[in-house]
Amino acid sequence: MNIWKRNVDFSDRGVRLDKFWGRELADEGVSRGRVKSWIESGMALVDGQAVTKGKYKLQGGEQVSIGAEDVLVGDQAPESISGDLPVLFEDEHMLVVEKSAGVTTHPAPAESGPTLVNYLLHQWPDIAADVSGMDEQRPGIVHRLDKDTSGIMAVARTEAARLKLASDFAERRVHKVYLAIVYGCPSQPYGTIDAPMGRHPNQKTRMAVVEKGGREARSEYRVLWTGPRGLASLVAVRIHTGRTHQIRVHMAHIGHPLLGDATYGPRENVEWSRRPDSLAALAPRQMLHAFYLSITHPVTGEKITRWQAPPEDFQALLSGLTRECLRVGIVGMPGCGKSTLLESLRGLGLPCFSADDSVAALYGPDGDGASMIRQRFGGRYTLEDGSVNKPELFRAMETSETMRREVMDLIHPMVRHACEEFFAMHRDEVSAYAEIPLLLESGWHKTGRVDMVAGVSCPEEKRTGELREKRRLTPETLAVFDSWQWPEPDKLAACDLVLNNAGGVEDLLAEAEKLRDYASDKADRRNREFEGWMEGLWPDLAEEFAAEGADA
């Protein structure tokens, strides 16, 4: 007869036998009805004795089995398979190893590939059931990590060590901290999620926060870092209970599922996979890493504390979140040569956005801006083709500050949205440039929407003379535009870099090259600083967690 075998954790004390096997075999495709039938037929053993009552309550520490002729898994012992298994601690009683993402902890019906148990048996043959007396299918296993979760695991080498370690996990005497990359940024920088968990009421292979009948589940999280634009955050999560998929369920419960988690963040995962940039390929799994483990040695009683930096794919995603295009805002007084500078940047093959061009499109016959102006003011400022009558609208804005602000409040959000889409489209570039005349006046530079501001300085006689005439502006119209902006000294003082437009077009091209090189250097510095910060983060976190454990 083929059978399943389990060692009952002390955390399952008081759980009914039918509930225990229903939970354990749900992922195996075994129905609760079939479990009930096996128990009533005497096919369930507890410490070698048949138990025919599903309501029998477990005490913890028992060896249980269940089976029938048509079960899905055989009782054949796992084979020894060679593999690269990093070891962080080793003695004759226990191990601390690092499991890679993509490796299942122990054999299962749906898992054809080598498991952690297969690798353990190759490096430490003494944990095999016929030598150690431990569970044949799960020798040494005292806790589990999901297949696509990486990180540290404790392993027993003897049955005595396994019982002690399993008891410590069940009684919550183990300090475990995980690192996760989640969508967005939690509204609170730290918090406790105390939400009981159980099987999803409709999808039995999933876990969920449930109102009734759930088991206690408590997680503490802390936001360590949030990426640009709030796309994703790195969080540390300490779990006080060890429920299946606990961190994944809890973070999704507060609205921030893990990146790459198609099970508990399906909508977000699909949206991420459709991104037009390189980030789309950087979350191939749920971004969860068991970073820190502090456990009492089962024989000596000493604290065994180990940590392991996240693997390459985890750190690559963090770096990718930082390595977005450097967003450069370009400002200057009206008629100073911003548009010419933008054309020079385009000539250098750099992505550029013009707020003036955006407004022109919005004011066109089919533009959203023209539609909003028409809805707000009737046909007063609308031409026959549906476009905005710009001279009439300008005159109204010139004579009424209230009117000017109202139009700005209608149009500027659409320009900002178009600019955001432009930056997002060019995220993988080194730098991208947006000419936004009122960027400083609107406070946009303070919101993190641009990374630096470049200002164009132009001699007053040139700006009000030849450049004004080139744009076909009257002195009065230029004066009105000037009145809507900060004075030039204040504007340029707020810039990271000032470019000089005192010469000709060739001179301005040299200034464009200067801006390009400055932005490239700034982006390189930002990326290097982040890599250095991340390298130092892991040992600093381990030190913090060790101090927390000492104070507990």
Protein backbone atom coordinates (compact mmCIF):
# COMPACT_ATOMS: atom_id res chain seq x y z
CA MET A 1 0.00 0.00 0.00
CA ASN A 2 1.22 3.50 -0.80
CA ILE A 3 1.13 5.99 2.08
CA TRP A 4 1.73 9.57 3.14
CA LYS A 5 3.61 10.13 6.36
CA ARG A 6 3.92 13.20 8.56
CA ASN A 7 5.43 14.19 11.89
CA VAL A 8 2.87 16.37 13.64
CA ASP A 9 4.21 19.77 14.71
CA PHE A 10 3.38 20.97 18.21
CA SER A 11 1.66 23.95 16.59
CA ASP A 12 -1.01 21.45 15.48
CA ARG A 13 -1.90 20.47 19.04
CA GLY A 14 -5.71 20.22 19.27
CA VAL A 15 -6.26 19.96 15.51
CA ARG A 16 -8.69 17.27 14.39
CA LEU A 17 -7.19 14.38 12.43
CA ASP A 18 -9.47 14.93 9.43
CA LYS A 19 -8.72 18.66 9.40
CA PHE A 20 -4.99 17.94 9.61
CA TRP A 21 -4.98 15.58 6.63
CA GLY A 22 -7.42 17.75 4.69
CA ARG A 23 -4.96 20.62 5.00
CA GLU A 24 -1.85 18.54 4.31
CA LEU A 25 -3.26 16.89 1.20
CA ALA A 26 -5.15 19.82 -0.32
CA ASP A 27 -2.20 20.64 -2.57
CA GLU A 28 -1.96 16.97 -3.58
CA GLY A 29 -5.39 17.01 -5.23
CA VAL A 30 -6.94 14.83 -2.51
CA SER A 31 -10.47 15.85 -1.50
CA ARG A 32 -11.66 16.09 2.09
CA GLY A 33 -14.27 13.46 1.24
CA ARG A 34 -11.56 11.00 0.28
CA VAL A 35 -9.64 11.76 3.49
CA LYS A 36 -12.82 11.09 5.49
CA SER A 37 -13.31 7.76 3.70
CA TRP A 38 -9.74 6.64 4.38
CA ILE A 39 -9.98 7.49 8.07
CA GLU A 40 -13.28 5.66 8.51
CA SER A 41 -11.80 2.66 6.66
CA GLY A 42 -8.93 2.42 9.16
CA MET A 43 -6.31 3.69 6.74
CA ALA A 44 -5.12 6.48 9.06
CA LEU A 45 -2.50 5.63 11.71
CA VAL A 46 -1.39 7.70 14.70
CA ASP A 47 1.85 6.38 16.25
CA GLY A 48 1.15 3.05 14.53
CA GLN A 49 -2.43 2.71 15.78
CA ALA A 50 -5.44 2.94 13.48
CA VAL A 51 -7.77 5.86 14.25
CA THR A 52 -11.19 5.74 12.62
CA LYS A 53 -12.66 8.96 14.03
CA GLY A 54 -12.00 12.13 12.05
CA LYS A 55 -12.67 14.26 15.14
CA TYR A 56 -9.70 12.67 16.96
CA LYS A 57 -7.55 15.54 18.27
CA LEU A 58 -3.79 15.48 17.79
CA GLN A 59 -1.41 16.34 20.64
CA GLY A 60 1.68 17.29 18.64
CA GLY A 61 4.79 15.16 18.18
CA GLU A 62 2.97 12.09 16.81
CA GLN A 63 3.93 10.19 13.70
CA VAL A 64 0.89 9.87 11.47
CA SER A 65 0.20 8.25 8.14
CA ILE A 66 -2.66 7.82 5.74
CA GLY A 67 -3.00 6.00 2.44
CA ALA A 68 -4.87 3.85 -0.03
CA GLU A 69 -4.09 1.85 -3.12
CA ASP A 70 -4.84 4.74 -5.49
CA VAL A 71 -2.98 7.55 -3.76
CA LEU A 72 -0.86 9.89 -5.79
CA VAL A 73 2.53 9.42 -4.14
CA GLY A 74 4.53 6.29 -3.57
CA ASP A 75 6.38 5.38 -0.40
CA GLN A 76 9.71 5.16 -2.17
CA ALA A 77 12.43 7.02 -0.28
CA PRO A 78 13.84 10.15 -2.00
CA GLU A 79 17.09 9.52 -3.80
CA SER A 80 20.40 11.24 -3.25
CA ILE A 81 21.09 13.93 -5.89
CA SER A 82 24.24 16.00 -6.20
CA GLY A 83 23.73 19.75 -5.99
CA ASP A 84 25.33 22.97 -4.86
CA LEU A 85 23.92 23.63 -1.38
CA PRO A 86 25.60 26.52 0.49
CA VAL A 87 26.20 25.69 4.17
CA LEU A 88 26.14 28.43 6.82
CA PHE A 89 26.45 26.17 9.88
CA GLU A 90 27.18 22.47 10.33
CA ASP A 91 27.79 20.03 13.16
CA GLU A 92 26.72 16.46 13.91
CA HIS A 93 23.30 17.58 15.17
CA MET A 94 22.03 20.24 12.78
CA LEU A 95 22.66 22.36 9.70
CA VAL A 96 21.84 25.83 8.49
CA VAL A 97 21.72 25.93 4.68
CA GLU A 98 20.59 28.28 1.95
CA LYS A 99 17.80 27.12 -0.34
CA SER A 100 17.71 28.62 -3.81
CA ALA A 101 14.53 29.90 -5.38
CA GLY A 102 13.01 27.27 -7.65
CA VAL A 103 13.86 24.38 -5.34
CA THR A 104 11.02 22.64 -3.50
CA THR A 105 11.72 21.80 0.14
CA HIS A 106 10.69 18.14 -0.01
CA PRO A 107 9.22 15.62 -2.52
CA ALA A 108 5.62 16.14 -3.60
CA PRO A 109 3.41 14.65 -6.33
CA ALA A 110 3.52 17.72 -8.54
CA GLU A 111 7.26 18.20 -8.12
CA SER A 112 9.39 16.28 -10.59
CA GLY A 113 12.65 18.16 -10.10
CA PRO A 114 15.30 17.69 -7.41
CA THR A 115 14.25 18.98 -3.99
CA LEU A 116 16.19 20.27 -1.01
CA VAL A 117 15.81 16.84 0.59
CA ASN A 118 17.48 15.20 -2.43
CA TYR A 119 20.45 17.57 -2.10
CA LEU A 120 20.63 17.06 1.68
CA LEU A 121 20.75 13.29 1.28
CA HIS A 122 23.72 13.58 -1.07
CA GLN A 123 25.81 15.82 1.20
CA TRP A 124 24.70 14.26 4.50
CA PRO A 125 23.68 10.60 3.95
CA ASP A 126 23.29 10.15 7.71
CA ILE A 127 19.93 12.00 7.69
CA ALA A 128 18.31 9.23 5.62
CA ALA A 129 15.42 7.55 7.42
CA ASP A 130 17.14 4.15 7.70
CA VAL A 131 20.04 5.80 9.58
CA SER A 132 18.44 8.68 11.48
CA GLY A 133 14.97 7.28 12.11
CA MET A 134 13.39 10.44 10.73
CA ASP A 135 10.45 10.78 8.32
CA GLU A 136 11.37 8.95 5.11
CA GLN A 137 9.96 11.61 2.77
CA ARG A 138 11.11 14.65 4.78
CA PRO A 139 14.24 13.71 6.72
CA GLY A 140 15.68 16.68 8.62
CA ILE A 141 12.92 19.10 7.66
CA VAL A 142 11.66 21.17 10.61
CA HIS A 143 10.21 24.10 8.66
CA ARG A 144 9.48 24.90 5.02
CA LEU A 145 10.02 27.61 2.44
CA ASP A 146 7.88 27.90 -0.68
CA LYS A 147 9.49 26.68 -3.87
CA ASP A 148 10.06 30.18 -5.23
CA THR A 149 11.23 31.64 -1.92
CA SER A 150 14.98 31.77 -1.36
CA GLY A 151 16.91 31.86 1.88
CA ILE A 152 18.04 30.26 5.11
CA MET A 153 16.70 27.01 6.54
CA ALA A 154 17.56 24.99 9.64
CA VAL A 155 17.86 21.21 9.15
CA ALA A 156 18.09 18.43 11.75
CA ARG A 157 20.58 15.58 11.38
CA THR A 158 19.10 13.36 14.10
CA GLU A 159 15.59 12.55 15.27
CA ALA A 160 16.35 14.00 18.71
CA ALA A 161 17.49 17.26 17.14
CA ARG A 162 14.46 17.29 14.87
CA LEU A 163 12.05 16.99 17.79
CA LYS A 164 13.78 19.81 19.68
CA LEU A 165 13.99 22.12 16.68
CA ALA A 166 10.40 21.39 15.65
CA SER A 167 9.28 22.19 19.19
CA ASP A 168 11.14 25.52 19.11
CA PHE A 169 9.46 26.45 15.84
CA ALA A 170 6.06 25.41 17.16
CA GLU A 171 6.50 27.31 20.42
CA ARG A 172 7.76 30.44 18.59
CA ARG A 173 11.20 30.45 20.11
CA VAL A 174 12.84 31.04 16.72
CA HIS A 175 13.64 34.54 15.40
CA LYS A 176 12.98 34.63 11.62
CA VAL A 177 13.10 37.72 9.42
CA TYR A 178 12.30 37.79 5.72
CA LEU A 179 12.94 40.42 3.07
CA ALA A 180 10.25 41.09 0.47
CA ILE A 181 9.78 43.47 -2.43
CA VAL A 182 6.15 44.57 -2.54
CA TYR A 183 4.06 46.65 -4.90
CA GLY A 184 3.78 50.32 -3.97
CA CYS A 185 4.53 51.67 -0.52
CA PRO A 186 2.56 50.81 2.62
CA SER A 187 0.91 53.90 4.12
CA GLN A 188 2.58 53.20 7.48
CA PRO A 189 6.37 52.73 7.66
CA TYR A 190 5.91 49.81 10.03
CA GLY A 191 3.04 47.81 11.42
CA THR A 192 1.67 44.54 12.75
CA ILE A 193 -0.68 42.38 10.70
CA ASP A 194 -2.73 40.25 13.06
CA ALA A 195 -5.08 38.39 10.74
CA PRO A 196 -6.11 34.73 11.18
CA MET A 197 -5.57 32.53 8.14
CA GLY A 198 -7.12 29.43 6.65
CA ARG A 199 -7.85 27.81 3.33
CA HIS A 200 -9.45 30.08 0.75
CA PRO A 201 -13.20 29.35 0.80
CA ASN A 202 -13.38 28.83 -2.97
CA GLN A 203 -9.82 28.01 -4.08
CA LYS A 204 -8.54 25.23 -1.86
CA THR A 205 -4.95 25.44 -3.06
CA ARG A 206 -4.73 29.02 -1.77
CA MET A 207 -4.58 30.43 1.72
CA ALA A 208 -6.52 33.52 2.80
CA VAL A 209 -7.31 35.81 5.70
CA VAL A 210 -10.59 34.41 7.03
CA GLU A 211 -13.15 35.80 9.44
CA LYS A 212 -14.09 32.46 11.00
CA GLY A 213 -12.22 29.25 11.65
CA GLY A 214 -8.78 30.62 10.84
CA ARG A 215 -5.58 29.93 12.74
CA GLU A 216 -3.69 32.73 14.48
CA ALA A 217 -1.28 34.49 12.12
CA ARG A 218 0.82 37.50 13.08
CA SER A 219 3.45 39.34 11.06
CA GLU A 220 5.42 42.52 11.75
CA TYR A 221 6.73 44.55 8.81
CA ARG A 222 9.00 47.55 8.39
CA VAL A 223 9.55 49.51 5.19
CA LEU A 224 13.29 49.73 4.52
CA TRP A 225 13.26 51.55 1.19
CA THR A 226 10.83 52.73 -1.46
CA GLY A 227 11.88 53.01 -5.09
CA PRO A 228 11.45 56.04 -7.34
CA ARG A 229 7.83 57.03 -8.04
CA GLY A 230 6.73 54.63 -5.29
CA LEU A 231 6.67 51.70 -7.72
CA ALA A 232 7.79 49.16 -5.13
CA SER A 233 9.25 48.90 -1.64
CA LEU A 234 11.72 46.70 0.19
CA VAL A 235 10.25 45.53 3.49
CA ALA A 236 11.52 43.40 6.35
CA VAL A 237 8.93 41.01 7.76
CA ARG A 238 9.21 39.11 11.02
CA ILE A 239 6.72 36.29 11.40
CA HIS A 240 5.55 35.19 14.83
CA THR A 241 3.56 32.27 13.43
CA GLY A 242 4.43 29.95 10.59
CA ARG A 243 1.31 29.64 8.49
CA THR A 244 1.53 28.50 4.88
CA HIS A 245 2.13 31.49 2.57
CA GLN A 246 1.78 33.80 5.60
CA ILE A 247 3.84 36.75 4.36
CA ARG A 248 2.41 36.56 0.86
CA VAL A 249 -1.16 36.50 2.17
CA HIS A 250 -0.64 39.18 4.82
CA MET A 251 1.09 41.67 2.52
CA ALA A 252 -1.63 41.17 -0.10
CA HIS A 253 -4.20 41.64 2.67
CA ILE A 254 -2.95 45.18 3.34
CA GLY A 255 -2.91 45.98 -0.38
CA HIS A 256 0.77 45.39 -1.15
CA PRO A 257 1.31 41.91 -2.62
CA LEU A 258 4.80 40.69 -3.41
CA LEU A 259 6.23 41.46 -6.82
CA GLY A 260 6.11 38.36 -8.99
CA ASP A 261 3.40 36.67 -6.92
CA ALA A 262 0.86 35.50 -9.48
CA THR A 263 -1.17 33.68 -6.81
CA TYR A 264 -1.81 36.48 -4.31
CA GLY A 265 -1.27 39.48 -6.57
CA PRO A 266 -2.61 38.29 -9.96
CA ARG A 267 -3.79 41.68 -11.23
CA GLU A 268 -0.60 43.46 -10.22
CA ASN A 269 1.53 40.65 -11.63
CA VAL A 270 -0.16 40.85 -15.04
CA GLU A 271 0.19 44.64 -15.13
CA TRP A 272 3.86 44.38 -14.21
CA SER A 273 4.53 41.78 -16.90
CA ARG A 274 3.08 44.18 -19.48
CA ARG A 275 5.37 47.06 -18.58
CA PRO A 276 7.14 48.54 -21.63
CA ASP A 277 10.53 48.63 -19.87
CA SER A 278 13.15 46.23 -18.54
CA LEU A 279 11.45 45.92 -15.15
CA ALA A 280 8.86 43.61 -16.70
CA ALA A 281 11.39 40.76 -16.81
CA LEU A 282 12.91 41.36 -13.37
CA ALA A 283 10.24 39.70 -11.21
CA PRO A 284 10.06 36.09 -12.46
CA ARG A 285 9.10 34.77 -9.02
CA GLN A 286 7.62 36.05 -5.78
CA MET A 287 10.29 38.36 -4.39
CA LEU A 288 10.69 36.80 -0.94
CA HIS A 289 13.93 35.86 0.81
CA ALA A 290 14.44 34.24 4.23
CA PHE A 291 17.21 36.58 5.34
CA TYR A 292 17.84 36.02 9.05
CA LEU A 293 17.51 33.06 11.40
CA SER A 294 18.39 32.82 15.07
CA ILE A 295 17.72 29.45 16.70
CA THR A 296 18.80 27.59 19.82
CA HIS A 297 21.10 24.64 19.21
CA PRO A 298 19.15 21.46 20.07
CA VAL A 299 22.01 19.97 22.12
CA THR A 300 24.38 22.70 23.33
CA GLY A 301 21.74 25.36 23.91
CA GLU A 302 23.86 28.06 22.25
CA LYS A 303 22.31 30.60 19.88
CA ILE A 304 22.97 29.81 16.24
CA THR A 305 22.47 33.04 14.31
CA ARG A 306 22.98 33.33 10.58
CA TRP A 307 21.99 35.68 7.77
CA GLN A 308 22.36 35.58 4.02
CA ALA A 309 22.15 38.46 1.55
CA PRO A 310 19.39 38.11 -1.07
CA PRO A 311 20.28 36.32 -4.30
CA GLU A 312 21.20 38.00 -7.56
CA ASP A 313 17.65 38.19 -8.99
CA PHE A 314 16.35 39.91 -5.85
CA GLN A 315 19.14 42.50 -5.82
CA ALA A 316 18.88 42.99 -9.59
CA LEU A 317 15.25 44.04 -9.19
CA LEU A 318 16.17 46.55 -6.47
CA SER A 319 18.89 47.97 -8.71
CA GLY A 320 16.51 48.02 -11.67
CA LEU A 321 14.00 50.06 -9.70
CA THR A 322 16.69 52.67 -9.11
CA ARG A 323 18.19 52.65 -12.60
CA GLU A 324 15.45 54.64 -14.27
CA CYS A 325 16.16 57.53 -16.60
CA LEU A 326 17.36 60.68 -14.87
CA ARG A 327 14.45 63.09 -15.28
CA VAL A 328 15.67 66.53 -16.29
CA GLY A 329 13.37 69.54 -16.21
CA ILE A 330 14.36 72.52 -18.39
CA VAL A 331 13.26 76.05 -17.42
CA GLY A 332 14.01 79.65 -18.31
CA MET A 333 12.35 82.96 -19.00
CA PRO A 334 10.00 83.17 -22.00
CA GLY A 335 11.99 83.53 -25.22
CA CYS A 336 15.33 82.49 -23.65
CA GLY A 337 15.99 79.65 -26.12
CA LYS A 338 14.58 76.61 -24.27
CA SER A 339 12.97 75.24 -27.43
CA THR A 340 16.21 75.60 -29.39
CA LEU A 341 18.08 73.80 -26.61
CA LEU A 342 15.49 71.02 -26.79
CA GLU A 343 16.06 70.68 -30.53
CA SER A 344 19.81 70.39 -29.88
CA LEU A 345 19.17 67.64 -27.35
CA ARG A 346 16.96 65.83 -29.84
CA GLY A 347 19.76 66.11 -32.38
CA LEU A 348 21.99 64.28 -29.91
CA GLY A 349 19.50 61.38 -29.94
CA LEU A 350 18.07 62.18 -26.50
CA PRO A 351 14.34 61.82 -25.64
CA CYS A 352 12.66 65.19 -25.19
CA PHE A 353 9.25 66.50 -24.15
CA SER A 354 7.87 69.98 -24.80
CA ALA A 355 5.08 71.36 -22.63
CA ASP A 356 4.34 73.91 -25.36
CA ASP A 357 3.85 71.12 -27.90
CA SER A 358 1.66 69.26 -25.41
CA VAL A 359 -0.55 72.32 -24.87
CA ALA A 360 -0.79 72.84 -28.63
CA ALA A 361 -2.06 69.28 -29.03
CA LEU A 362 -4.51 69.71 -26.15
CA TYR A 363 -5.87 72.89 -27.77
CA GLY A 364 -6.33 71.22 -31.16
CA PRO A 365 -9.73 70.24 -32.65
CA ASP A 366 -9.70 66.81 -31.06
CA GLY A 367 -7.74 67.77 -27.95
CA ASP A 368 -8.95 67.03 -24.44
CA GLY A 369 -8.02 70.57 -23.44
CA ALA A 370 -10.24 72.06 -26.13
CA SER A 371 -13.08 69.84 -24.94
CA MET A 372 -12.68 70.97 -21.33
CA ILE A 373 -12.44 74.66 -22.32
CA ARG A 374 -15.62 74.26 -24.37
CA GLN A 375 -17.44 72.51 -21.52
CA ARG A 376 -16.37 75.13 -18.99
CA PHE A 377 -16.85 78.33 -21.00
CA GLY A 378 -19.29 77.32 -23.72
CA GLY A 379 -18.22 78.40 -27.20
CA ARG A 380 -16.68 81.66 -26.07
CA TYR A 381 -13.10 80.50 -26.73
CA THR A 382 -13.77 77.79 -29.34
CA LEU A 383 -13.28 78.03 -33.11
CA GLU A 384 -15.52 76.39 -35.70
CA ASP A 385 -13.22 73.36 -36.04
CA GLY A 386 -13.44 72.71 -32.29
CA SER A 387 -9.96 73.98 -31.44
CA VAL A 388 -9.25 76.69 -28.87
CA ASN A 389 -9.26 80.31 -29.96
CA LYS A 390 -5.89 80.98 -28.37
CA PRO A 391 -5.75 84.79 -28.92
CA GLU A 392 -9.14 85.25 -27.28
CA LEU A 393 -8.29 82.93 -24.43
CA PHE A 394 -4.95 84.70 -23.88
CA ARG A 395 -6.64 88.09 -23.72
CA ALA A 396 -9.07 86.77 -21.11
CA MET A 397 -6.22 85.32 -19.04
CA GLU A 398 -4.23 88.56 -19.43
CA THR A 399 -7.00 90.67 -17.94
CA SER A 400 -8.16 88.29 -15.19
CA GLU A 401 -5.92 86.49 -12.72
CA THR A 402 -8.89 84.34 -11.70
CA MET A 403 -9.41 83.32 -15.30
CA ARG A 404 -5.72 82.53 -15.74
CA ARG A 405 -5.63 80.29 -12.69
CA GLU A 406 -8.81 78.52 -13.71
CA VAL A 407 -7.42 77.69 -17.16
CA MET A 408 -4.12 76.56 -15.61
CA ASP A 409 -5.99 74.29 -13.21
CA LEU A 410 -7.77 72.72 -16.20
CA ILE A 411 -4.77 72.30 -18.50
CA HIS A 412 -1.73 71.76 -16.27
CA PRO A 413 -2.82 68.36 -14.86
CA MET A 414 -3.14 67.05 -18.43
CA VAL A 415 0.31 68.35 -19.30
CA ARG A 416 1.75 66.74 -16.18
CA HIS A 417 0.08 63.46 -17.10
CA ALA A 418 1.51 63.59 -20.63
CA CYS A 419 4.95 64.36 -19.19
CA GLU A 420 4.71 61.41 -16.77
CA GLU A 421 3.80 59.12 -19.66
CA PHE A 422 6.80 60.44 -21.59
CA PHE A 423 9.20 59.71 -18.73
CA ALA A 424 7.67 56.26 -18.19
CA MET A 425 8.04 55.45 -21.90
CA HIS A 426 11.75 56.28 -21.74
CA ARG A 427 12.47 54.74 -18.35
CA ASP A 428 15.36 52.61 -19.65
CA GLU A 429 17.23 55.59 -21.10
CA VAL A 430 20.10 57.16 -19.16
CA SER A 431 18.33 60.51 -19.13
CA ALA A 432 15.22 62.21 -20.53
CA TYR A 433 14.45 65.92 -20.88
CA ALA A 434 11.26 67.90 -20.42
CA GLU A 435 10.89 71.60 -21.16
CA ILE A 436 8.27 72.85 -18.69
CA PRO A 437 8.08 76.68 -18.46
CA LEU A 438 6.23 76.84 -15.11
CA LEU A 439 7.89 73.82 -13.49
CA LEU A 440 9.30 75.86 -10.60
CA GLU A 441 6.31 78.14 -10.17
CA SER A 442 3.94 75.19 -9.91
CA GLY A 443 6.17 73.45 -7.34
CA TRP A 444 6.48 70.40 -9.55
CA HIS A 445 10.21 70.13 -8.85
CA LYS A 446 9.47 69.56 -5.15
CA THR A 447 7.25 66.53 -5.74
CA GLY A 448 9.97 64.20 -7.01
CA ARG A 449 8.69 64.24 -10.58
CA VAL A 450 12.05 65.47 -11.86
CA ASP A 451 15.54 64.59 -10.59
CA MET A 452 17.25 67.81 -11.58
CA VAL A 453 16.45 71.21 -13.08
CA ALA A 454 18.50 72.90 -15.78
CA GLY A 455 17.98 76.59 -16.44
CA VAL A 456 18.69 78.56 -19.63
CA SER A 457 20.22 81.98 -19.08
CA CYS A 458 19.95 84.49 -21.90
CA PRO A 459 21.07 88.16 -22.07
CA GLU A 460 18.04 90.40 -21.68
CA GLU A 461 18.72 92.34 -24.87
CA LYS A 462 18.86 89.11 -26.89
CA ARG A 463 15.76 87.63 -25.28
CA THR A 464 13.64 90.75 -25.66
CA GLY A 465 15.11 91.57 -29.07
CA GLU A 466 15.96 89.02 -31.74
CA LEU A 467 14.50 85.99 -29.97
CA ARG A 468 11.23 87.82 -29.22
CA GLU A 469 10.95 88.92 -32.84
CA LYS A 470 11.70 85.39 -34.02
CA ARG A 471 8.72 84.15 -32.00
CA ARG A 472 6.57 87.03 -33.33
CA LEU A 473 5.72 88.29 -29.88
CA THR A 474 5.00 91.91 -29.10
CA PRO A 475 6.88 93.48 -26.18
CA GLU A 476 3.57 93.69 -24.34
CA THR A 477 2.80 89.99 -24.80
CA LEU A 478 6.30 88.99 -23.65
CA ALA A 479 5.85 91.20 -20.59
CA VAL A 480 2.62 89.40 -19.74
CA PHE A 481 4.34 85.99 -20.03
CA ASP A 482 7.17 87.30 -17.83
CA SER A 483 4.69 88.43 -15.18
CA TRP A 484 3.41 84.87 -14.77
CA GLN A 485 6.88 83.57 -13.88
CA TRP A 486 9.50 83.99 -11.18
CA PRO A 487 12.13 86.66 -11.82
CA GLU A 488 15.09 85.22 -13.69
CA PRO A 489 17.56 85.42 -10.74
CA ASP A 490 15.17 83.41 -8.55
CA LYS A 491 14.48 80.91 -11.32
CA LEU A 492 18.14 80.25 -12.09
CA ALA A 493 19.08 80.08 -8.39
CA ALA A 494 16.75 77.11 -8.03
CA CYS A 495 18.46 75.18 -10.84
CA ASP A 496 21.07 72.44 -10.50
CA LEU A 497 22.80 73.58 -13.68
CA VAL A 498 22.64 76.86 -15.62
CA LEU A 499 23.25 76.87 -19.39
CA ASN A 500 24.35 79.98 -21.24
CA ASN A 501 22.56 81.12 -24.40
CA ALA A 502 24.62 84.22 -25.07
CA GLY A 503 26.05 82.94 -28.35
CA GLY A 504 24.77 81.26 -31.47
CA VAL A 505 23.15 77.91 -32.27
CA GLU A 506 26.53 76.09 -32.25
CA ASP A 507 27.28 77.47 -28.82
CA LEU A 508 23.90 76.26 -27.56
CA LEU A 509 24.66 72.79 -28.97
CA ALA A 510 27.80 72.75 -26.84
CA GLU A 511 25.64 73.65 -23.84
CA ALA A 512 23.32 70.76 -24.73
CA GLU A 513 26.29 68.39 -24.73
CA LYS A 514 27.32 69.83 -21.38
CA LEU A 515 23.85 69.10 -19.99
CA ARG A 516 23.87 65.56 -21.40
CA ASP A 517 27.23 64.78 -19.79
CA TYR A 518 26.20 66.34 -16.49
CA ALA A 519 23.00 64.28 -16.38
CA SER A 520 24.87 61.09 -17.32
CA ASP A 521 27.40 61.65 -14.53
CA LYS A 522 24.61 62.37 -12.07
CA ALA A 523 22.79 59.16 -13.04
CA ASP A 524 26.01 57.15 -12.68
CA ARG A 525 26.65 58.62 -9.22
CA ARG A 526 23.09 57.84 -8.16
CA ASN A 527 23.41 54.23 -9.30
CA ARG A 528 26.80 53.73 -7.65
CA GLU A 529 25.58 55.26 -4.40
CA PHE A 530 22.61 52.90 -4.36
CA GLU A 531 24.78 49.85 -5.01
CA GLY A 532 27.05 50.90 -2.13
CA TRP A 533 24.06 51.51 0.14
CA MET A 534 22.59 48.12 -0.71
CA GLU A 535 25.90 46.33 -0.09
CA GLY A 536 26.10 47.83 3.39
CA LEU A 537 22.41 47.29 4.14
CA TRP A 538 22.55 43.52 4.63
CA PRO A 539 25.14 43.39 7.47
CA ASP A 540 23.53 46.44 9.10
CA LEU A 541 20.13 44.74 9.07
CA ALA A 542 21.57 41.52 10.50
CA GLU A 543 23.12 43.53 13.33
CA GLU A 544 19.79 45.25 14.01
CA PHE A 545 17.88 41.97 14.08
CA ALA A 546 20.47 40.41 16.39
CA ALA A 547 20.06 43.35 18.79
CA GLU A 548 16.28 42.96 18.67
CA GLY A 549 16.63 39.27 19.49
CA ALA A 550 18.92 40.04 22.44
CA ASP A 551 16.40 42.52 23.84
CA ALA A 552 13.45 40.16 23.42
